[in-house]
Structure formats: C-alpha cells, structure tokens
C-alpha cells in the first residue's frame, strides 16, 4: 500500500510540475528574469512522471505473478548483486572525481562566468566532502 501511494504521488507531482512549467512558459514574458524556471519544472515533471509510470507498469506486470515478483525481490536483495552494484557506484565515483576536476579546469580556462565555475567547484567539494565523511563513518563502524 505504501508503494502505491508513493507511485501515485510521483505521477501526480510530475504532471503538476509539467503543467505548471508549460503554463509558466506561456505566461512569462520573454524578458523576464526567471526564464529558466519553466524548463526546470518541465524537465523535473517529465522525470517524475516517467519514473512513476515506469514503477506502476512494472508493478502491474508482476501483479498477477507473485512467484516472479518474489524472484525479482530475491535477486535485488542478493548479496552478490548488492556487492556488484556498490562496486559499480564506487568506480563511477572514482571516475567522476577526475571528470569534474577536468571540467572545472576547462571552464576556468575558457573564462566561463565566475559564478558558474564557483558553483561547479562547490558541488565538487561537497561530493568529495561527503565521500570523506562516509569513509570516516564506515571506518568507525567496521
């Protein structure tokens, strides 16, 4: 029941954001300072709506086959699959550190607006800080 409500909230919120973004796009004049907001609402709305509909469709597909649903749940919680997923995330994080660093350097050399470069640097440092925090936290636990 809890999953059904979450899926419905995703679909409804996605549709509301999508509709609100389209409405803002039509209502805001071209010279308005908030010209990006409608596109952000449309993008996030489409993402939420698509994710909700995908969840709903997958639930509908396995609803009449409880044995398949149980098998999918077992595979998702399998230790080997969890270990593979965590290792893939770790490798992606390692690659992201270098990609973000190169992107920051490229933006700085292209003389992109200072605000954009600083936002990227702060996001980069935030991600690295989270990595350090969780490394220390997991070291204490294990």
Foldseek 3Di string as FASTA:
>chain_A
DVVVVVLVCLQVQLVVLLVVLVVCCVPDDPPDPPNCSSVVSNVSSVVSNVVSVVVVVVCVVCVVPVVVVVVVVCVVPPPVNVVVVVVVVVVVLVVVLVVLVVVLVVCVVVVPPPVVSVVSVVVSVVSVVVVVVVVVVVVVVD
